[in-house]
Amino acid sequence: MDDVNPSPVPASSALPPKVLPPEKPSGIRRIFVGPHGIRAGWRFVLYALMFRAMVLILGFLLGPWNPHGTGRLWMQQIIEFGSLLAALIPAIVMGRIEKHAFGDYGLPGQNAFGKLFWAGAIWGLLSITVLLGGMRSFHAFYFGYVELHGVRILKFAFFWGLFFLLVGLFEEFLFRGYAQFALTTGIGFWPSAVLLSALFGRIHLENQGEAWVGALSAGLIGFFFCLTLRRTGNLWFAVGFHSAFDWGETFLYSVPNSGNRFPGHLLSSSLQGPKWLSGGTVGPEGSVLVFVLIAVLWVAFDRMYPEVRYHV
């Protein structure tokens, strides 16, 4: 008798493989981790903690040094460079964790000191010139006379140029680099911009000679820098603007900068008249005219750079 092969089971009647439901993360894990990894708020906190730790280390290392004269000025340069590193290194660490290139956080190397940087520098120098020109027309600012001569002009021009380049890189990256990127992934670009610009203005109150009007104008200028980030896609325009504005304010026109007046300035200029117009100890950023300038800058930049290029 021939063997009879059993008929094959139809594919339609085969039982489907069991699919186990995805394991639900624990309640504590859900607080820290979302669908795309560590939640935005915690990434911001991690970055801030690492930055603060590096600043404390920097203070510990440089604390015993107490130079005098020009050495004190160069110490300020070293401190500013150290502060920049304290802002950059935690972002590099977070980039490794998040699998992001450093350039995603606003300072792409291929655009370093390129066209956007120099465009920003021109806007910044023109802005402080227009602001002080307006104050001069109201007799709130006077140029005085030239205090530096010969090669000292070039030495201090270079020194303050380098110093405020470090300031621009540090402050723009700290408030509108990684922090802006991280918070944008959680609450969106403009809510993040409002929060960080308010913090930027608040920190200016720690400067000696600063006042709430100057802190408000600093916050609004920071908010304008957020617009430049949004429209250019990176921070290089803002860095150029920030650096040139501060250089023109401190060295070229020799007026207080957010409550600080530094040595080695070009002119013996002075601010006179009521504080609401002259800015008083704050400097031009405490004058009511700075709010007019910021409004003009916002409208002009909005029209000249209409396309959104910042995407997270």
C-alpha atoms as a PDB file:
ATOM      1  CA  MET A   1       0.000   0.000   0.000  1.00  0.00           C
ATOM      2  CA  ASP A   2       1.380   3.358  -1.073  1.00  0.00           C
ATOM      3  CA  ASP A   3       2.180   5.950   1.567  1.00  0.00           C
ATOM      4  CA  VAL A   4      -0.348   8.738   1.573  1.00  0.00           C
ATOM      5  CA  ASN A   5       1.140  12.207   2.146  1.00  0.00           C
ATOM      6  CA  PRO A   6      -1.065  14.422   4.256  1.00  0.00           C
ATOM      7  CA  SER A   7      -2.279  17.475   2.432  1.00  0.00           C
ATOM      8  CA  PRO A   8      -0.413  20.679   3.395  1.00  0.00           C
ATOM      9  CA  VAL A   9      -2.132  23.078   5.733  1.00  0.00           C
ATOM     10  CA  PRO A  10      -3.368  26.154   3.868  1.00  0.00           C
ATOM     11  CA  ALA A  11      -1.338  29.255   4.570  1.00  0.00           C
ATOM     12  CA  SER A  12      -4.495  31.119   5.488  1.00  0.00           C
ATOM     13  CA  SER A  13      -5.183  28.726   8.353  1.00  0.00           C
ATOM     14  CA  ALA A  14      -1.653  28.986   9.845  1.00  0.00           C
ATOM     15  CA  LEU A  15      -1.579  30.684  13.232  1.00  0.00           C
ATOM     16  CA  PRO A  16       0.148  34.099  13.180  1.00  0.00           C
ATOM     17  CA  PRO A  17       3.250  34.426  15.361  1.00  0.00           C
ATOM     18  CA  LYS A  18       2.645  35.910  18.744  1.00  0.00           C
ATOM     19  CA  VAL A  19       3.530  39.606  18.905  1.00  0.00           C
ATOM     20  CA  LEU A  20       4.359  40.745  22.381  1.00  0.00           C
ATOM     21  CA  PRO A  21       3.211  44.259  23.299  1.00  0.00           C
ATOM     22  CA  PRO A  22       6.064  46.748  23.666  1.00  0.00           C
ATOM     23  CA  GLU A  23       7.349  46.935  27.169  1.00  0.00           C
ATOM     24  CA  LYS A  24       6.124  50.102  28.836  1.00  0.00           C
ATOM     25  CA  PRO A  25       8.893  52.221  30.357  1.00  0.00           C
ATOM     26  CA  SER A  26       8.749  52.687  34.078  1.00  0.00           C
ATOM     27  CA  GLY A  27       7.216  55.830  35.508  1.00  0.00           C
ATOM     28  CA  ILE A  28      10.594  57.251  36.506  1.00  0.00           C
ATOM     29  CA  ARG A  29      12.056  56.513  33.070  1.00  0.00           C
ATOM     30  CA  ARG A  30       9.165  58.329  31.372  1.00  0.00           C
ATOM     31  CA  ILE A  31      10.054  61.454  33.360  1.00  0.00           C
ATOM     32  CA  PHE A  32      13.562  61.563  31.893  1.00  0.00           C
ATOM     33  CA  VAL A  33      13.237  59.810  28.530  1.00  0.00           C
ATOM     34  CA  GLY A  34      10.778  60.461  25.712  1.00  0.00           C
ATOM     35  CA  PRO A  35      10.246  58.907  22.265  1.00  0.00           C
ATOM     36  CA  HIS A  36      13.386  60.619  20.933  1.00  0.00           C
ATOM     37  CA  GLY A  37      15.734  60.061  23.859  1.00  0.00           C
ATOM     38  CA  ILE A  38      16.451  62.301  26.854  1.00  0.00           C
ATOM     39  CA  ARG A  39      13.755  64.937  27.136  1.00  0.00           C
ATOM     40  CA  ALA A  40      14.603  68.481  26.052  1.00  0.00           C
ATOM     41  CA  GLY A  41      14.325  70.029  29.500  1.00  0.00           C
ATOM     42  CA  TRP A  42      16.718  67.520  31.039  1.00  0.00           C
ATOM     43  CA  ARG A  43      19.206  67.972  28.189  1.00  0.00           C
ATOM     44  CA  PHE A  44      19.147  71.704  28.907  1.00  0.00           C
ATOM     45  CA  VAL A  45      19.666  71.049  32.635  1.00  0.00           C
ATOM     46  CA  LEU A  46      22.575  68.667  31.942  1.00  0.00           C
ATOM     47  CA  TYR A  47      24.217  71.253  29.707  1.00  0.00           C
ATOM     48  CA  ALA A  48      23.721  74.025  32.289  1.00  0.00           C
ATOM     49  CA  LEU A  49      25.159  71.868  35.096  1.00  0.00           C
ATOM     50  CA  MET A  50      28.229  70.966  33.050  1.00  0.00           C
ATOM     51  CA  PHE A  51      28.734  74.618  32.134  1.00  0.00           C
ATOM     52  CA  ARG A  52      28.448  75.675  35.765  1.00  0.00           C
ATOM     53  CA  ALA A  53      30.908  72.986  36.861  1.00  0.00           C
ATOM     54  CA  MET A  54      33.455  74.146  34.294  1.00  0.00           C
ATOM     55  CA  VAL A  55      33.057  77.766  35.378  1.00  0.00           C
ATOM     56  CA  LEU A  56      33.737  76.746  38.997  1.00  0.00           C
ATOM     57  CA  ILE A  57      36.829  74.836  37.926  1.00  0.00           C
ATOM     58  CA  LEU A  58      38.003  77.844  35.914  1.00  0.00           C
ATOM     59  CA  GLY A  59      37.503  80.099  38.934  1.00  0.00           C
ATOM     60  CA  PHE A  60      39.446  77.687  41.146  1.00  0.00           C
ATOM     61  CA  LEU A  61      42.379  77.532  38.713  1.00  0.00           C
ATOM     62  CA  LEU A  62      42.578  81.274  38.076  1.00  0.00           C
ATOM     63  CA  GLY A  63      41.608  82.438  41.567  1.00  0.00           C
ATOM     64  CA  PRO A  64      45.172  82.684  42.981  1.00  0.00           C
ATOM     65  CA  TRP A  65      46.305  84.904  40.082  1.00  0.00           C
ATOM     66  CA  ASN A  66      45.948  88.593  40.800  1.00  0.00           C
ATOM     67  CA  PRO A  67      47.900  90.575  38.182  1.00  0.00           C
ATOM     68  CA  HIS A  68      48.072  94.360  38.016  1.00  0.00           C
ATOM     69  CA  GLY A  69      48.056  96.918  35.188  1.00  0.00           C
ATOM     70  CA  THR A  70      47.956  95.486  31.674  1.00  0.00           C
ATOM     71  CA  GLY A  71      48.267  92.009  33.188  1.00  0.00           C
ATOM     72  CA  ARG A  72      44.804  92.452  34.665  1.00  0.00           C
ATOM     73  CA  LEU A  73      43.423  93.217  31.195  1.00  0.00           C
ATOM     74  CA  TRP A  74      45.009  90.087  29.742  1.00  0.00           C
ATOM     75  CA  MET A  75      43.562  88.124  32.640  1.00  0.00           C
ATOM     76  CA  GLN A  76      40.125  89.271  31.526  1.00  0.00           C
ATOM     77  CA  GLN A  77      40.986  87.936  28.070  1.00  0.00           C
ATOM     78  CA  ILE A  78      41.948  84.568  29.553  1.00  0.00           C
ATOM     79  CA  ILE A  79      38.764  84.444  31.654  1.00  0.00           C
ATOM     80  CA  GLU A  80      36.628  85.181  28.602  1.00  0.00           C
ATOM     81  CA  PHE A  81      38.384  82.452  26.615  1.00  0.00           C
ATOM     82  CA  GLY A  82      37.874  80.021  29.495  1.00  0.00           C
ATOM     83  CA  SER A  83      34.187  80.961  29.640  1.00  0.00           C
ATOM     84  CA  LEU A  84      33.876  80.242  25.932  1.00  0.00           C
ATOM     85  CA  LEU A  85      35.409  76.790  26.434  1.00  0.00           C
ATOM     86  CA  ALA A  86      33.026  76.213  29.352  1.00  0.00           C
ATOM     87  CA  ALA A  87      30.118  76.850  26.962  1.00  0.00           C
ATOM     88  CA  LEU A  88      31.493  74.815  24.044  1.00  0.00           C
ATOM     89  CA  ILE A  89      32.803  71.642  25.709  1.00  0.00           C
ATOM     90  CA  PRO A  90      29.476  70.577  27.328  1.00  0.00           C
ATOM     91  CA  ALA A  91      27.803  71.024  23.928  1.00  0.00           C
ATOM     92  CA  ILE A  92      30.387  68.710  22.363  1.00  0.00           C
ATOM     93  CA  VAL A  93      29.637  66.145  25.083  1.00  0.00           C
ATOM     94  CA  MET A  94      25.891  66.468  24.521  1.00  0.00           C
ATOM     95  CA  GLY A  95      26.442  66.117  20.780  1.00  0.00           C
ATOM     96  CA  ARG A  96      28.097  62.739  21.368  1.00  0.00           C
ATOM     97  CA  ILE A  97      25.139  61.650  23.492  1.00  0.00           C
ATOM     98  CA  GLU A  98      22.535  62.923  21.028  1.00  0.00           C
ATOM     99  CA  LYS A  99      24.418  61.865  17.848  1.00  0.00           C
ATOM    100  CA  HIS A 100      24.479  65.457  16.538  1.00  0.00           C
ATOM    101  CA  ALA A 101      27.307  67.291  14.822  1.00  0.00           C
ATOM    102  CA  PHE A 102      28.599  70.316  16.727  1.00  0.00           C
ATOM    103  CA  GLY A 103      27.591  72.576  13.825  1.00  0.00           C
ATOM    104  CA  ASP A 104      23.932  71.716  14.438  1.00  0.00           C
ATOM    105  CA  TYR A 105      24.113  73.912  17.544  1.00  0.00           C
ATOM    106  CA  GLY A 106      24.632  77.152  15.638  1.00  0.00           C
ATOM    107  CA  LEU A 107      28.339  77.510  14.876  1.00  0.00           C
ATOM    108  CA  PRO A 108      29.034  75.393  11.764  1.00  0.00           C
ATOM    109  CA  GLY A 109      32.738  75.453  10.964  1.00  0.00           C
ATOM    110  CA  GLN A 110      32.219  75.912   7.219  1.00  0.00           C
ATOM    111  CA  ASN A 111      30.614  79.316   7.867  1.00  0.00           C
ATOM    112  CA  ALA A 112      33.196  80.520  10.410  1.00  0.00           C
ATOM    113  CA  PHE A 113      34.076  84.189   9.868  1.00  0.00           C
ATOM    114  CA  GLY A 114      32.450  84.123   6.465  1.00  0.00           C
ATOM    115  CA  LYS A 115      29.998  86.423   4.731  1.00  0.00           C
ATOM    116  CA  LEU A 116      27.375  86.314   7.476  1.00  0.00           C
ATOM    117  CA  PHE A 117      29.908  87.183  10.181  1.00  0.00           C
ATOM    118  CA  TRP A 118      31.142  90.271   8.328  1.00  0.00           C
ATOM    119  CA  ALA A 119      27.609  91.324   7.399  1.00  0.00           C
ATOM    120  CA  GLY A 120      26.731  91.133  11.092  1.00  0.00           C
ATOM    121  CA  ALA A 121      29.854  93.135  12.000  1.00  0.00           C
ATOM    122  CA  ILE A 122      28.841  95.912   9.594  1.00  0.00           C
ATOM    123  CA  TRP A 123      25.289  95.962  11.005  1.00  0.00           C
ATOM    124  CA  GLY A 124      26.659  96.082  14.560  1.00  0.00           C
ATOM    125  CA  LEU A 125      29.097  98.937  13.954  1.00  0.00           C
ATOM    126  CA  LEU A 126      26.504 100.931  12.019  1.00  0.00           C
ATOM    127  CA  SER A 127      23.949 100.354  14.782  1.00  0.00           C
ATOM    128  CA  ILE A 128      26.089 101.767  17.600  1.00  0.00           C
ATOM    129  CA  THR A 129      27.097 104.658  15.303  1.00  0.00           C
ATOM    130  CA  VAL A 130      23.475 105.516  14.519  1.00  0.00           C
ATOM    131  CA  LEU A 131      22.474 105.180  18.173  1.00  0.00           C
ATOM    132  CA  LEU A 132      25.206 107.516  19.401  1.00  0.00           C
ATOM    133  CA  GLY A 133      24.595 109.860  16.481  1.00  0.00           C
ATOM    134  CA  GLY A 134      20.982 110.157  17.598  1.00  0.00           C
ATOM    135  CA  MET A 135      22.075 110.774  21.181  1.00  0.00           C
ATOM    136  CA  ARG A 136      24.521 113.430  19.976  1.00  0.00           C
ATOM    137  CA  SER A 137      21.712 115.233  18.143  1.00  0.00           C
ATOM    138  CA  PHE A 138      19.866 115.452  21.482  1.00  0.00           C
ATOM    139  CA  HIS A 139      23.047 116.657  23.253  1.00  0.00           C
ATOM    140  CA  ALA A 140      23.234 113.477  25.322  1.00  0.00           C
ATOM    141  CA  PHE A 141      26.594 112.315  23.923  1.00  0.00           C
ATOM    142  CA  TYR A 142      29.854 114.176  23.303  1.00  0.00           C
ATOM    143  CA  PHE A 143      32.917 112.755  21.547  1.00  0.00           C
ATOM    144  CA  GLY A 144      35.546 114.579  23.593  1.00  0.00           C
ATOM    145  CA  TYR A 145      39.136 114.268  22.366  1.00  0.00           C
ATOM    146  CA  VAL A 146      41.444 111.412  21.359  1.00  0.00           C
ATOM    147  CA  GLU A 147      43.193 109.915  24.403  1.00  0.00           C
ATOM    148  CA  LEU A 148      45.366 107.299  22.683  1.00  0.00           C
ATOM    149  CA  HIS A 149      48.149 108.076  20.226  1.00  0.00           C
ATOM    150  CA  GLY A 150      50.470 106.264  17.868  1.00  0.00           C
ATOM    151  CA  VAL A 151      50.840 102.532  18.057  1.00  0.00           C
ATOM    152  CA  ARG A 152      48.745 102.371  21.245  1.00  0.00           C
ATOM    153  CA  ILE A 153      45.653 102.986  19.117  1.00  0.00           C
ATOM    154  CA  LEU A 154      46.358  99.847  17.084  1.00  0.00           C
ATOM    155  CA  LYS A 155      47.307  97.802  20.153  1.00  0.00           C
ATOM    156  CA  PHE A 156      44.116  98.570  22.039  1.00  0.00           C
ATOM    157  CA  ALA A 157      41.960  98.325  18.912  1.00  0.00           C
ATOM    158  CA  PHE A 158      43.285  94.775  18.386  1.00  0.00           C
ATOM    159  CA  PHE A 159      43.047  93.879  22.072  1.00  0.00           C
ATOM    160  CA  TRP A 160      39.394  94.915  22.395  1.00  0.00           C
ATOM    161  CA  GLY A 161      38.598  93.416  18.993  1.00  0.00           C
ATOM    162  CA  LEU A 162      39.845  90.025  20.185  1.00  0.00           C
ATOM    163  CA  PHE A 163      38.191  90.430  23.577  1.00  0.00           C
ATOM    164  CA  PHE A 164      34.753  91.231  22.181  1.00  0.00           C
ATOM    165  CA  LEU A 165      35.036  88.487  19.579  1.00  0.00           C
ATOM    166  CA  LEU A 166      35.367  86.071  22.515  1.00  0.00           C
ATOM    167  CA  VAL A 167      32.445  87.810  24.260  1.00  0.00           C
ATOM    168  CA  GLY A 168      30.292  87.506  21.140  1.00  0.00           C
ATOM    169  CA  LEU A 169      31.120  83.832  20.647  1.00  0.00           C
ATOM    170  CA  PHE A 170      30.612  83.013  24.325  1.00  0.00           C
ATOM    171  CA  GLU A 171      27.341  84.845  24.942  1.00  0.00           C
ATOM    172  CA  GLU A 172      25.748  83.933  21.620  1.00  0.00           C
ATOM    173  CA  PHE A 173      26.559  80.243  21.960  1.00  0.00           C
ATOM    174  CA  LEU A 174      25.627  80.051  25.638  1.00  0.00           C
ATOM    175  CA  PHE A 175      22.185  81.631  25.161  1.00  0.00           C
ATOM    176  CA  ARG A 176      21.363  80.883  21.522  1.00  0.00           C
ATOM    177  CA  GLY A 177      23.488  77.855  20.684  1.00  0.00           C
ATOM    178  CA  TYR A 178      22.977  74.522  22.398  1.00  0.00           C
ATOM    179  CA  ALA A 179      20.402  75.865  24.861  1.00  0.00           C
ATOM    180  CA  GLN A 180      18.214  77.222  22.049  1.00  0.00           C
ATOM    181  CA  PHE A 181      18.563  73.962  20.103  1.00  0.00           C
ATOM    182  CA  ALA A 182      17.646  71.745  23.054  1.00  0.00           C
ATOM    183  CA  LEU A 183      14.656  73.778  24.213  1.00  0.00           C
ATOM    184  CA  THR A 184      13.370  74.190  20.653  1.00  0.00           C
ATOM    185  CA  THR A 185      12.967  70.410  20.387  1.00  0.00           C
ATOM    186  CA  GLY A 186      10.754  70.529  23.465  1.00  0.00           C
ATOM    187  CA  ILE A 187       8.704  73.747  23.430  1.00  0.00           C
ATOM    188  CA  GLY A 188       9.389  75.272  20.016  1.00  0.00           C
ATOM    189  CA  PHE A 189      11.677  78.016  18.743  1.00  0.00           C
ATOM    190  CA  TRP A 190       9.954  81.238  19.825  1.00  0.00           C
ATOM    191  CA  PRO A 191       8.970  80.152  23.369  1.00  0.00           C
ATOM    192  CA  SER A 192      12.602  79.091  23.830  1.00  0.00           C
ATOM    193  CA  ALA A 193      13.783  82.424  22.418  1.00  0.00           C
ATOM    194  CA  VAL A 194      11.587  84.376  24.849  1.00  0.00           C
ATOM    195  CA  LEU A 195      12.803  82.342  27.833  1.00  0.00           C
ATOM    196  CA  LEU A 196      16.507  82.559  26.981  1.00  0.00           C
ATOM    197  CA  SER A 197      16.350  86.249  26.011  1.00  0.00           C
ATOM    198  CA  ALA A 198      14.732  87.055  29.358  1.00  0.00           C
ATOM    199  CA  LEU A 199      17.529  85.135  31.092  1.00  0.00           C
ATOM    200  CA  PHE A 200      20.100  86.989  28.977  1.00  0.00           C
ATOM    201  CA  GLY A 201      18.679  90.331  30.105  1.00  0.00           C
ATOM    202  CA  ARG A 202      18.431  89.227  33.744  1.00  0.00           C
ATOM    203  CA  ILE A 203      22.098  88.241  33.899  1.00  0.00           C
ATOM    204  CA  HIS A 204      23.102  91.738  32.755  1.00  0.00           C
ATOM    205  CA  LEU A 205      21.760  93.089  36.058  1.00  0.00           C
ATOM    206  CA  GLU A 206      24.818  91.561  37.717  1.00  0.00           C
ATOM    207  CA  ASN A 207      27.048  94.149  35.995  1.00  0.00           C
ATOM    208  CA  GLN A 208      28.101  97.044  38.161  1.00  0.00           C
ATOM    209  CA  GLY A 209      26.364 100.208  36.949  1.00  0.00           C
ATOM    210  CA  GLU A 210      23.602  98.267  35.132  1.00  0.00           C
ATOM    211  CA  ALA A 211      19.903  99.097  35.623  1.00  0.00           C
ATOM    212  CA  TRP A 212      16.606  97.471  34.687  1.00  0.00           C
ATOM    213  CA  VAL A 213      16.320  99.586  31.513  1.00  0.00           C
ATOM    214  CA  GLY A 214      19.686  98.320  30.299  1.00  0.00           C
ATOM    215  CA  ALA A 215      18.765  94.736  31.207  1.00  0.00           C
ATOM    216  CA  LEU A 216      15.497  95.094  29.272  1.00  0.00           C
ATOM    217  CA  SER A 217      17.293  96.424  26.198  1.00  0.00           C
ATOM    218  CA  ALA A 218      19.866  93.591  26.457  1.00  0.00           C
ATOM    219  CA  GLY A 219      17.028  91.062  26.543  1.00  0.00           C
ATOM    220  CA  LEU A 220      15.383  92.643  23.496  1.00  0.00           C
ATOM    221  CA  ILE A 221      18.665  92.751  21.593  1.00  0.00           C
ATOM    222  CA  GLY A 222      19.060  89.076  22.485  1.00  0.00           C
ATOM    223  CA  PHE A 223      15.581  88.445  21.086  1.00  0.00           C
ATOM    224  CA  PHE A 224      16.652  90.213  17.873  1.00  0.00           C
ATOM    225  CA  PHE A 225      19.651  87.876  17.712  1.00  0.00           C
ATOM    226  CA  CYS A 226      17.184  84.979  17.896  1.00  0.00           C
ATOM    227  CA  LEU A 227      15.535  86.375  14.760  1.00  0.00           C
ATOM    228  CA  THR A 228      18.924  86.455  12.998  1.00  0.00           C
ATOM    229  CA  LEU A 229      19.483  82.813  14.010  1.00  0.00           C
ATOM    230  CA  ARG A 230      16.045  81.865  12.713  1.00  0.00           C
ATOM    231  CA  ARG A 231      16.564  83.532   9.340  1.00  0.00           C
ATOM    232  CA  THR A 232      20.239  82.764   8.655  1.00  0.00           C
ATOM    233  CA  GLY A 233      20.306  79.255  10.124  1.00  0.00           C
ATOM    234  CA  ASN A 234      23.323  79.851  12.364  1.00  0.00           C
ATOM    235  CA  LEU A 235      24.882  82.255  14.866  1.00  0.00           C
ATOM    236  CA  TRP A 236      27.619  83.818  12.752  1.00  0.00           C
ATOM    237  CA  PHE A 237      25.649  86.974  11.886  1.00  0.00           C
ATOM    238  CA  ALA A 238      24.783  87.445  15.573  1.00  0.00           C
ATOM    239  CA  VAL A 239      28.408  86.888  16.633  1.00  0.00           C
ATOM    240  CA  GLY A 240      29.637  89.501  14.151  1.00  0.00           C
ATOM    241  CA  PHE A 241      26.963  92.013  15.203  1.00  0.00           C
ATOM    242  CA  HIS A 242      27.507  91.442  18.929  1.00  0.00           C
ATOM    243  CA  SER A 243      31.295  91.713  18.686  1.00  0.00           C
ATOM    244  CA  ALA A 244      31.330  94.845  16.516  1.00  0.00           C
ATOM    245  CA  PHE A 245      28.621  96.623  18.532  1.00  0.00           C
ATOM    246  CA  ASP A 246      30.520  96.056  21.791  1.00  0.00           C
ATOM    247  CA  TRP A 247      33.855  97.029  20.197  1.00  0.00           C
ATOM    248  CA  GLY A 248      32.401 100.244  18.819  1.00  0.00           C
ATOM    249  CA  GLU A 249      30.703 101.035  22.109  1.00  0.00           C
ATOM    250  CA  THR A 250      33.708 100.315  24.358  1.00  0.00           C
ATOM    251  CA  PHE A 251      36.770 101.234  22.296  1.00  0.00           C
ATOM    252  CA  LEU A 252      35.806 103.370  19.316  1.00  0.00           C
ATOM    253  CA  TYR A 253      33.214 105.629  20.974  1.00  0.00           C
ATOM    254  CA  SER A 254      34.462 104.991  24.521  1.00  0.00           C
ATOM    255  CA  VAL A 255      31.151 104.870  26.393  1.00  0.00           C
ATOM    256  CA  PRO A 256      29.938 102.494  29.135  1.00  0.00           C
ATOM    257  CA  ASN A 257      28.969  99.025  27.934  1.00  0.00           C
ATOM    258  CA  SER A 258      26.086  97.562  29.975  1.00  0.00           C
ATOM    259  CA  GLY A 259      27.339  99.421  33.035  1.00  0.00           C
ATOM    260  CA  ASN A 260      31.032  98.643  32.455  1.00  0.00           C
ATOM    261  CA  ARG A 261      33.600 101.240  31.387  1.00  0.00           C
ATOM    262  CA  PHE A 262      36.923  99.720  30.394  1.00  0.00           C
ATOM    263  CA  PRO A 263      40.388 101.289  30.190  1.00  0.00           C
ATOM    264  CA  GLY A 264      42.266 101.623  26.916  1.00  0.00           C
ATOM    265  CA  HIS A 265      39.463 103.438  25.073  1.00  0.00           C
ATOM    266  CA  LEU A 266      40.068 105.818  22.182  1.00  0.00           C
ATOM    267  CA  LEU A 267      38.142 108.940  23.223  1.00  0.00           C
ATOM    268  CA  SER A 268      37.382 110.994  26.321  1.00  0.00           C
ATOM    269  CA  SER A 269      33.695 110.894  25.417  1.00  0.00           C
ATOM    270  CA  SER A 270      30.919 111.682  27.882  1.00  0.00           C
ATOM    271  CA  LEU A 271      27.183 111.136  28.349  1.00  0.00           C
ATOM    272  CA  GLN A 272      25.123 114.065  29.605  1.00  0.00           C
ATOM    273  CA  GLY A 273      21.514 114.979  30.256  1.00  0.00           C
ATOM    274  CA  PRO A 274      18.667 112.946  31.765  1.00  0.00           C
ATOM    275  CA  LYS A 275      19.293 109.239  32.296  1.00  0.00           C
ATOM    276  CA  TRP A 276      16.328 108.191  30.159  1.00  0.00           C
ATOM    277  CA  LEU A 277      18.091 109.812  27.192  1.00  0.00           C
ATOM    278  CA  SER A 278      21.813 109.392  27.985  1.00  0.00           C
ATOM    279  CA  GLY A 279      21.575 106.005  29.683  1.00  0.00           C
ATOM    280  CA  GLY A 280      23.565 107.239  32.679  1.00  0.00           C
ATOM    281  CA  THR A 281      25.959 104.676  34.112  1.00  0.00           C
ATOM    282  CA  VAL A 282      24.436 101.967  31.906  1.00  0.00           C
ATOM    283  CA  GLY A 283      25.577 103.629  28.693  1.00  0.00           C
ATOM    284  CA  PRO A 284      23.712 103.836  25.364  1.00  0.00           C
ATOM    285  CA  GLU A 285      21.867 100.572  26.106  1.00  0.00           C
ATOM    286  CA  GLY A 286      20.057 102.437  28.891  1.00  0.00           C
ATOM    287  CA  SER A 287      18.801 105.201  26.601  1.00  0.00           C
ATOM    288  CA  VAL A 288      15.222 105.202  25.360  1.00  0.00           C
ATOM    289  CA  LEU A 289      16.638 105.592  21.849  1.00  0.00           C
ATOM    290  CA  VAL A 290      17.969 102.030  21.928  1.00  0.00           C
ATOM    291  CA  PHE A 291      14.389 100.711  21.799  1.00  0.00           C
ATOM    292  CA  VAL A 292      13.794 102.693  18.619  1.00  0.00           C
ATOM    293  CA  LEU A 293      16.991 101.201  17.195  1.00  0.00           C
ATOM    294  CA  ILE A 294      15.934  97.642  18.059  1.00  0.00           C
ATOM    295  CA  ALA A 295      12.549  98.140  16.382  1.00  0.00           C
ATOM    296  CA  VAL A 296      14.220  99.449  13.212  1.00  0.00           C
ATOM    297  CA  LEU A 297      16.697  96.566  13.219  1.00  0.00           C
ATOM    298  CA  TRP A 298      13.890  94.016  13.565  1.00  0.00           C
ATOM    299  CA  VAL A 299      11.895  95.423  10.641  1.00  0.00           C
ATOM    300  CA  ALA A 300      14.954  95.851   8.407  1.00  0.00           C
ATOM    301  CA  PHE A 301      16.300  92.358   9.071  1.00  0.00           C
ATOM    302  CA  ASP A 302      12.876  90.774   8.673  1.00  0.00           C
ATOM    303  CA  ARG A 303      12.606  92.251   5.188  1.00  0.00           C
ATOM    304  CA  MET A 304      16.175  91.597   4.076  1.00  0.00           C
ATOM    305  CA  TYR A 305      16.254  87.995   5.323  1.00  0.00           C
ATOM    306  CA  PRO A 306      12.689  86.692   4.841  1.00  0.00           C
ATOM    307  CA  GLU A 307      13.420  82.953   4.592  1.00  0.00           C
ATOM    308  CA  VAL A 308      13.467  80.662   7.647  1.00  0.00           C
ATOM    309  CA  ARG A 309      16.689  78.631   7.581  1.00  0.00           C
ATOM    310  CA  TYR A 310      16.864  77.314  11.154  1.00  0.00           C
ATOM    311  CA  HIS A 311      15.451  73.809  11.313  1.00  0.00           C
ATOM    312  CA  VAL A 312      15.747  71.422  14.270  1.00  0.00           C
END
